[in-house]
């Protein structure tokens, strides 16, 4: 496993990008690496489907807000 350059990531996220601390610490190492410009491995269709099932869209942005009956 690669070590994580926390000082550099904190400087990038908190100082240069202005990410609030609570948001910064909620990010995963993969998200931080992406923000830092690191190349991310491609996601497989199976991984994408699992992610979509775990975090479904709350509404279709093309339909506009859902109305309450």
PDB file of N, CA and C in Angstrom:
ATOM      1  N   UNK A   1       0.846  -1.186   0.000  1.00  0.00           N
ATOM      2  CA  UNK A   1       0.000   0.000   0.000  1.00  0.00           C
ATOM      3  C   UNK A   1       0.882   1.238   0.000  1.00  0.00           C
ATOM      4  N   UNK A   2       0.506   2.201  -0.804  1.00  0.00           N
ATOM      5  CA  UNK A   2       1.246   3.451  -0.854  1.00  0.00           C
ATOM      6  C   UNK A   2       0.922   4.294   0.368  1.00  0.00           C
ATOM      7  N   UNK A   3       1.916   5.052   0.820  1.00  0.00           N
ATOM      8  CA  UNK A   3       1.642   5.976   1.911  1.00  0.00           C
ATOM      9  C   UNK A   3       0.912   7.193   1.348  1.00  0.00           C
ATOM     10  N   UNK A   4       0.170   7.846   2.196  1.00  0.00           N
ATOM     11  CA  UNK A   4      -0.617   9.000   1.771  1.00  0.00           C
ATOM     12  C   UNK A   4       0.101  10.268   2.219  1.00  0.00           C
ATOM     13  N   UNK A   5       0.289  11.191   1.319  1.00  0.00           N
ATOM     14  CA  UNK A   5       0.973  12.458   1.613  1.00  0.00           C
ATOM     15  C   UNK A   5      -0.044  13.437   2.205  1.00  0.00           C
ATOM     16  N   UNK A   6      -0.360  13.240   3.488  1.00  0.00           N
ATOM     17  CA  UNK A   6      -1.415  14.028   4.131  1.00  0.00           C
ATOM     18  C   UNK A   6      -1.119  15.523   4.134  1.00  0.00           C
ATOM     19  N   UNK A   7       0.115  15.901   4.407  1.00  0.00           N
ATOM     20  CA  UNK A   7       0.437  17.332   4.445  1.00  0.00           C
ATOM     21  C   UNK A   7       0.128  17.990   3.112  1.00  0.00           C
ATOM     22  N   UNK A   8       0.552  17.349   2.028  1.00  0.00           N
ATOM     23  CA  UNK A   8       0.298  17.906   0.706  1.00  0.00           C
ATOM     24  C   UNK A   8      -1.194  17.909   0.375  1.00  0.00           C
ATOM     25  N   UNK A   9      -1.900  16.832   0.732  1.00  0.00           N
ATOM     26  CA  UNK A   9      -3.333  16.769   0.461  1.00  0.00           C
ATOM     27  C   UNK A   9      -4.104  17.792   1.291  1.00  0.00           C
ATOM     28  N   UNK A  10      -3.720  17.967   2.550  1.00  0.00           N
ATOM     29  CA  UNK A  10      -4.371  18.967   3.392  1.00  0.00           C
ATOM     30  C   UNK A  10      -4.117  20.372   2.855  1.00  0.00           C
ATOM     31  N   UNK A  11      -2.889  20.635   2.418  1.00  0.00           N
ATOM     32  CA  UNK A  11      -2.567  21.936   1.848  1.00  0.00           C
ATOM     33  C   UNK A  11      -3.398  22.185   0.597  1.00  0.00           C
ATOM     34  N   UNK A  12      -3.473  21.185  -0.276  1.00  0.00           N
ATOM     35  CA  UNK A  12      -4.262  21.317  -1.494  1.00  0.00           C
ATOM     36  C   UNK A  12      -5.732  21.544  -1.173  1.00  0.00           C
ATOM     37  N   UNK A  13      -6.308  20.647  -0.382  1.00  0.00           N
ATOM     38  CA  UNK A  13      -7.743  20.687  -0.118  1.00  0.00           C
ATOM     39  C   UNK A  13      -8.190  21.860   0.723  1.00  0.00           C
ATOM     40  N   UNK A  14      -7.503  22.087   1.829  1.00  0.00           N
ATOM     41  CA  UNK A  14      -7.937  23.120   2.759  1.00  0.00           C
ATOM     42  C   UNK A  14      -7.486  24.517   2.349  1.00  0.00           C
ATOM     43  N   UNK A  15      -6.247  24.633   1.935  1.00  0.00           N
ATOM     44  CA  UNK A  15      -5.696  25.953   1.647  1.00  0.00           C
ATOM     45  C   UNK A  15      -5.982  26.395   0.213  1.00  0.00           C
ATOM     46  N   UNK A  16      -5.659  25.554  -0.758  1.00  0.00           N
ATOM     47  CA  UNK A  16      -5.759  25.976  -2.154  1.00  0.00           C
ATOM     48  C   UNK A  16      -7.170  25.838  -2.733  1.00  0.00           C
ATOM     49  N   UNK A  17      -7.878  24.770  -2.378  1.00  0.00           N
ATOM     50  CA  UNK A  17      -9.222  24.574  -2.915  1.00  0.00           C
ATOM     51  C   UNK A  17     -10.311  25.101  -1.990  1.00  0.00           C
ATOM     52  N   UNK A  18      -9.953  25.405  -0.748  1.00  0.00           N
ATOM     53  CA  UNK A  18     -10.918  25.960   0.193  1.00  0.00           C
ATOM     54  C   UNK A  18     -11.991  24.989   0.650  1.00  0.00           C
ATOM     55  N   UNK A  19     -11.680  23.698   0.652  1.00  0.00           N
ATOM     56  CA  UNK A  19     -12.642  22.698   1.115  1.00  0.00           C
ATOM     57  C   UNK A  19     -12.753  22.833   2.642  1.00  0.00           C
ATOM     58  N   UNK A  20     -13.965  22.942   3.187  1.00  0.00           N
ATOM     59  CA  UNK A  20     -14.118  23.013   4.641  1.00  0.00           C
ATOM     60  C   UNK A  20     -13.537  21.758   5.303  1.00  0.00           C
ATOM     61  N   UNK A  21     -12.961  21.890   6.500  1.00  0.00           N
ATOM     62  CA  UNK A  21     -12.337  20.734   7.159  1.00  0.00           C
ATOM     63  C   UNK A  21     -13.242  19.514   7.281  1.00  0.00           C
ATOM     64  N   UNK A  22     -14.495  19.709   7.675  1.00  0.00           N
ATOM     65  CA  UNK A  22     -15.393  18.554   7.836  1.00  0.00           C
ATOM     66  C   UNK A  22     -15.595  17.831   6.504  1.00  0.00           C
ATOM     67  N   UNK A  23     -15.716  18.584   5.432  1.00  0.00           N
ATOM     68  CA  UNK A  23     -15.865  17.986   4.103  1.00  0.00           C
ATOM     69  C   UNK A  23     -14.587  17.269   3.703  1.00  0.00           C
ATOM     70  N   UNK A  24     -13.450  17.912   3.964  1.00  0.00           N
ATOM     71  CA  UNK A  24     -12.156  17.315   3.636  1.00  0.00           C
ATOM     72  C   UNK A  24     -12.016  15.952   4.299  1.00  0.00           C
ATOM     73  N   UNK A  25     -12.321  15.865   5.593  1.00  0.00           N
ATOM     74  CA  UNK A  25     -12.143  14.611   6.313  1.00  0.00           C
ATOM     75  C   UNK A  25     -13.189  13.577   5.964  1.00  0.00           C
ATOM     76  N   UNK A  26     -14.291  13.984   5.329  1.00  0.00           N
ATOM     77  CA  UNK A  26     -15.297  13.030   4.851  1.00  0.00           C
ATOM     78  C   UNK A  26     -14.915  12.399   3.521  1.00  0.00           C
ATOM     79  N   UNK A  27     -13.944  12.987   2.806  1.00  0.00           N
ATOM     80  CA  UNK A  27     -13.510  12.446   1.519  1.00  0.00           C
ATOM     81  C   UNK A  27     -12.723  11.153   1.713  1.00  0.00           C
ATOM     82  N   UNK A  28     -12.810  10.270   0.747  1.00  0.00           N
ATOM     83  CA  UNK A  28     -12.009   9.045   0.775  1.00  0.00           C
ATOM     84  C   UNK A  28     -10.628   9.348   0.207  1.00  0.00           C
ATOM     85  N   UNK A  29      -9.632   8.505   0.489  1.00  0.00           N
ATOM     86  CA  UNK A  29      -8.316   8.704  -0.129  1.00  0.00           C
ATOM     87  C   UNK A  29      -8.396   8.738  -1.656  1.00  0.00           C
ATOM     88  N   UNK A  30      -9.290   7.946  -2.249  1.00  0.00           N
ATOM     89  CA  UNK A  30      -9.440   7.960  -3.706  1.00  0.00           C
ATOM     90  C   UNK A  30      -9.975   9.302  -4.191  1.00  0.00           C
ATOM     91  N   UNK A  31     -10.928   9.873  -3.462  1.00  0.00           N
ATOM     92  CA  UNK A  31     -11.455  11.188  -3.833  1.00  0.00           C
ATOM     93  C   UNK A  31     -10.380  12.265  -3.699  1.00  0.00           C
ATOM     94  N   UNK A  32      -9.602  12.182  -2.639  1.00  0.00           N
ATOM     95  CA  UNK A  32      -8.508  13.137  -2.459  1.00  0.00           C
ATOM     96  C   UNK A  32      -7.483  13.013  -3.579  1.00  0.00           C
ATOM     97  N   UNK A  33      -7.175  11.793  -3.955  1.00  0.00           N
ATOM     98  CA  UNK A  33      -6.217  11.580  -5.040  1.00  0.00           C
ATOM     99  C   UNK A  33      -6.760  12.152  -6.340  1.00  0.00           C
ATOM    100  N   UNK A  34      -8.049  11.978  -6.583  1.00  0.00           N
ATOM    101  CA  UNK A  34      -8.665  12.528  -7.791  1.00  0.00           C
ATOM    102  C   UNK A  34      -8.579  14.051  -7.795  1.00  0.00           C
ATOM    103  N   UNK A  35      -8.904  14.658  -6.657  1.00  0.00           N
ATOM    104  CA  UNK A  35      -8.825  16.109  -6.543  1.00  0.00           C
ATOM    105  C   UNK A  35      -7.401  16.582  -6.781  1.00  0.00           C
ATOM    106  N   UNK A  36      -6.438  15.792  -6.320  1.00  0.00           N
ATOM    107  CA  UNK A  36      -5.031  16.150  -6.464  1.00  0.00           C
ATOM    108  C   UNK A  36      -4.536  15.946  -7.895  1.00  0.00           C
ATOM    109  N   UNK A  37      -5.361  15.344  -8.753  1.00  0.00           N
ATOM    110  CA  UNK A  37      -4.987  15.156 -10.143  1.00  0.00           C
ATOM    111  C   UNK A  37      -4.347  13.820 -10.449  1.00  0.00           C
ATOM    112  N   UNK A  38      -4.394  12.902  -9.493  1.00  0.00           N
ATOM    113  CA  UNK A  38      -3.827  11.574  -9.736  1.00  0.00           C
ATOM    114  C   UNK A  38      -4.730  10.800 -10.691  1.00  0.00           C
ATOM    115  N   UNK A  39      -4.134   9.970 -11.503  1.00  0.00           N
ATOM    116  CA  UNK A  39      -4.918   9.127 -12.401  1.00  0.00           C
ATOM    117  C   UNK A  39      -5.636   8.060 -11.587  1.00  0.00           C
ATOM    118  N   UNK A  40      -6.924   7.956 -11.811  1.00  0.00           N
ATOM    119  CA  UNK A  40      -7.711   6.948 -11.111  1.00  0.00           C
ATOM    120  C   UNK A  40      -7.942   5.765 -12.047  1.00  0.00           C
ATOM    121  N   UNK A  41      -7.906   4.555 -11.510  1.00  0.00           N
ATOM    122  CA  UNK A  41      -8.190   3.397 -12.361  1.00  0.00           C
ATOM    123  C   UNK A  41      -9.644   3.431 -12.812  1.00  0.00           C
ATOM    124  N   UNK A  42      -9.887   2.889 -13.980  1.00  0.00           N
ATOM    125  CA  UNK A  42     -11.246   2.846 -14.513  1.00  0.00           C
ATOM    126  C   UNK A  42     -12.115   1.947 -13.639  1.00  0.00           C
ATOM    127  N   UNK A  43     -13.372   2.304 -13.520  1.00  0.00           N
ATOM    128  CA  UNK A  43     -14.315   1.526 -12.732  1.00  0.00           C
ATOM    129  C   UNK A  43     -14.988   0.518 -13.656  1.00  0.00           C
ATOM    130  N   UNK A  44     -15.109  -0.708 -13.171  1.00  0.00           N
ATOM    131  CA  UNK A  44     -15.777  -1.732 -13.970  1.00  0.00           C
ATOM    132  C   UNK A  44     -17.290  -1.500 -13.940  1.00  0.00           C
ATOM    133  N   UNK A  45     -17.994  -2.120 -14.886  1.00  0.00           N
ATOM    134  CA  UNK A  45     -19.454  -1.997 -14.907  1.00  0.00           C
ATOM    135  C   UNK A  45     -20.064  -2.543 -13.615  1.00  0.00           C
ATOM    136  N   UNK A  46     -19.503  -3.622 -13.109  1.00  0.00           N
ATOM    137  CA  UNK A  46     -20.010  -4.218 -11.869  1.00  0.00           C
ATOM    138  C   UNK A  46     -19.831  -3.250 -10.708  1.00  0.00           C
ATOM    139  N   UNK A  47     -18.667  -2.609 -10.630  1.00  0.00           N
ATOM    140  CA  UNK A  47     -18.420  -1.638  -9.566  1.00  0.00           C
ATOM    141  C   UNK A  47     -19.348  -0.437  -9.696  1.00  0.00           C
ATOM    142  N   UNK A  48     -19.573   0.025 -10.936  1.00  0.00           N
ATOM    143  CA  UNK A  48     -20.469   1.153 -11.161  1.00  0.00           C
ATOM    144  C   UNK A  48     -21.892   0.806 -10.754  1.00  0.00           C
ATOM    145  N   UNK A  49     -22.366  -0.379 -11.137  1.00  0.00           N
ATOM    146  CA  UNK A  49     -23.728  -0.804 -10.760  1.00  0.00           C
ATOM    147  C   UNK A  49     -23.867  -0.873  -9.238  1.00  0.00           C
ATOM    148  N   UNK A  50     -22.877  -1.435  -8.570  1.00  0.00           N
ATOM    149  CA  UNK A  50     -22.923  -1.532  -7.112  1.00  0.00           C
ATOM    150  C   UNK A  50     -22.961  -0.144  -6.480  1.00  0.00           C
ATOM    151  N   UNK A  51     -22.182   0.784  -7.016  1.00  0.00           N
ATOM    152  CA  UNK A  51     -22.167   2.150  -6.509  1.00  0.00           C
ATOM    153  C   UNK A  51     -23.517   2.830  -6.738  1.00  0.00           C
ATOM    154  N   UNK A  52     -24.102   2.615  -7.911  1.00  0.00           N
ATOM    155  CA  UNK A  52     -25.398   3.209  -8.221  1.00  0.00           C
ATOM    156  C   UNK A  52     -26.505   2.631  -7.334  1.00  0.00           C
ATOM    157  N   UNK A  53     -26.417   1.365  -7.013  1.00  0.00           N
ATOM    158  CA  UNK A  53     -27.404   0.750  -6.119  1.00  0.00           C
ATOM    159  C   UNK A  53     -27.236   1.262  -4.696  1.00  0.00           C
ATOM    160  N   UNK A  54     -26.001   1.461  -4.301  1.00  0.00           N
ATOM    161  CA  UNK A  54     -25.731   1.932  -2.936  1.00  0.00           C
ATOM    162  C   UNK A  54     -26.133   3.397  -2.766  1.00  0.00           C
ATOM    163  N   UNK A  55     -25.944   4.203  -3.799  1.00  0.00           N
ATOM    164  CA  UNK A  55     -26.245   5.631  -3.741  1.00  0.00           C
ATOM    165  C   UNK A  55     -27.153   6.031  -4.901  1.00  0.00           C
ATOM    166  N   UNK A  56     -28.428   5.618  -4.863  1.00  0.00           N
ATOM    167  CA  UNK A  56     -29.331   5.935  -5.978  1.00  0.00           C
ATOM    168  C   UNK A  56     -29.630   7.432  -6.032  1.00  0.00           C
ATOM    169  N   UNK A  57     -29.933   7.905  -7.254  1.00  0.00           N
ATOM    170  CA  UNK A  57     -30.355   9.290  -7.418  1.00  0.00           C
ATOM    171  C   UNK A  57     -31.668   9.474  -6.698  1.00  0.00           C
ATOM    172  N   UNK A  58     -31.826  10.628  -6.058  1.00  0.00           N
ATOM    173  CA  UNK A  58     -33.060  10.889  -5.323  1.00  0.00           C
ATOM    174  C   UNK A  58     -34.189  11.315  -6.248  1.00  0.00           C
ATOM    175  N   UNK A  59     -33.846  11.971  -7.339  1.00  0.00           N
ATOM    176  CA  UNK A  59     -34.847  12.355  -8.329  1.00  0.00           C
ATOM    177  C   UNK A  59     -34.154  12.505  -9.670  1.00  0.00           C
ATOM    178  N   UNK A  60     -34.927  12.397 -10.705  1.00  0.00           N
ATOM    179  CA  UNK A  60     -34.395  12.564 -12.052  1.00  0.00           C
ATOM    180  C   UNK A  60     -34.305  14.057 -12.328  1.00  0.00           C
ATOM    181  N   UNK A  61     -33.109  14.571 -12.562  1.00  0.00           N
ATOM    182  CA  UNK A  61     -32.934  16.003 -12.756  1.00  0.00           C
ATOM    183  C   UNK A  61     -33.677  16.501 -13.987  1.00  0.00           C
ATOM    184  N   UNK A  62     -33.991  15.610 -14.925  1.00  0.00           N
ATOM    185  CA  UNK A  62     -34.719  16.013 -16.120  1.00  0.00           C
ATOM    186  C   UNK A  62     -36.208  16.170 -15.873  1.00  0.00           C
ATOM    187  N   UNK A  63     -36.712  15.574 -14.798  1.00  0.00           N
ATOM    188  CA  UNK A  63     -38.138  15.647 -14.495  1.00  0.00           C
ATOM    189  C   UNK A  63     -38.488  16.825 -13.595  1.00  0.00           C
ATOM    190  N   UNK A  64     -37.503  17.486 -13.026  1.00  0.00           N
ATOM    191  CA  UNK A  64     -37.775  18.552 -12.077  1.00  0.00           C
ATOM    192  C   UNK A  64     -38.133  17.981 -10.727  1.00  0.00           C
ATOM    193  N   UNK A  65     -38.502  18.825  -9.796  1.00  0.00           N
ATOM    194  CA  UNK A  65     -38.824  18.364  -8.435  1.00  0.00           C
ATOM    195  C   UNK A  65     -40.055  17.467  -8.424  1.00  0.00           C
ATOM    196  N   UNK A  66     -40.025  16.486  -7.557  1.00  0.00           N
ATOM    197  CA  UNK A  66     -41.181  15.604  -7.400  1.00  0.00           C
ATOM    198  C   UNK A  66     -42.226  16.325  -6.555  1.00  0.00           C
ATOM    199  N   UNK A  67     -43.484  16.199  -6.962  1.00  0.00           N
ATOM    200  CA  UNK A  67     -44.563  16.842  -6.223  1.00  0.00           C
ATOM    201  C   UNK A  67     -45.142  15.872  -5.199  1.00  0.00           C
ATOM    202  N   UNK A  68     -45.504  16.420  -4.075  1.00  0.00           N
ATOM    203  CA  UNK A  68     -46.152  15.627  -3.032  1.00  0.00           C
ATOM    204  C   UNK A  68     -47.625  15.488  -3.380  1.00  0.00           C
ATOM    205  N   UNK A  69     -48.202  14.292  -3.206  1.00  0.00           N
ATOM    206  CA  UNK A  69     -49.629  14.108  -3.511  1.00  0.00           C
ATOM    207  C   UNK A  69     -50.508  14.847  -2.524  1.00  0.00           C
TER     208      UNK A  69
END
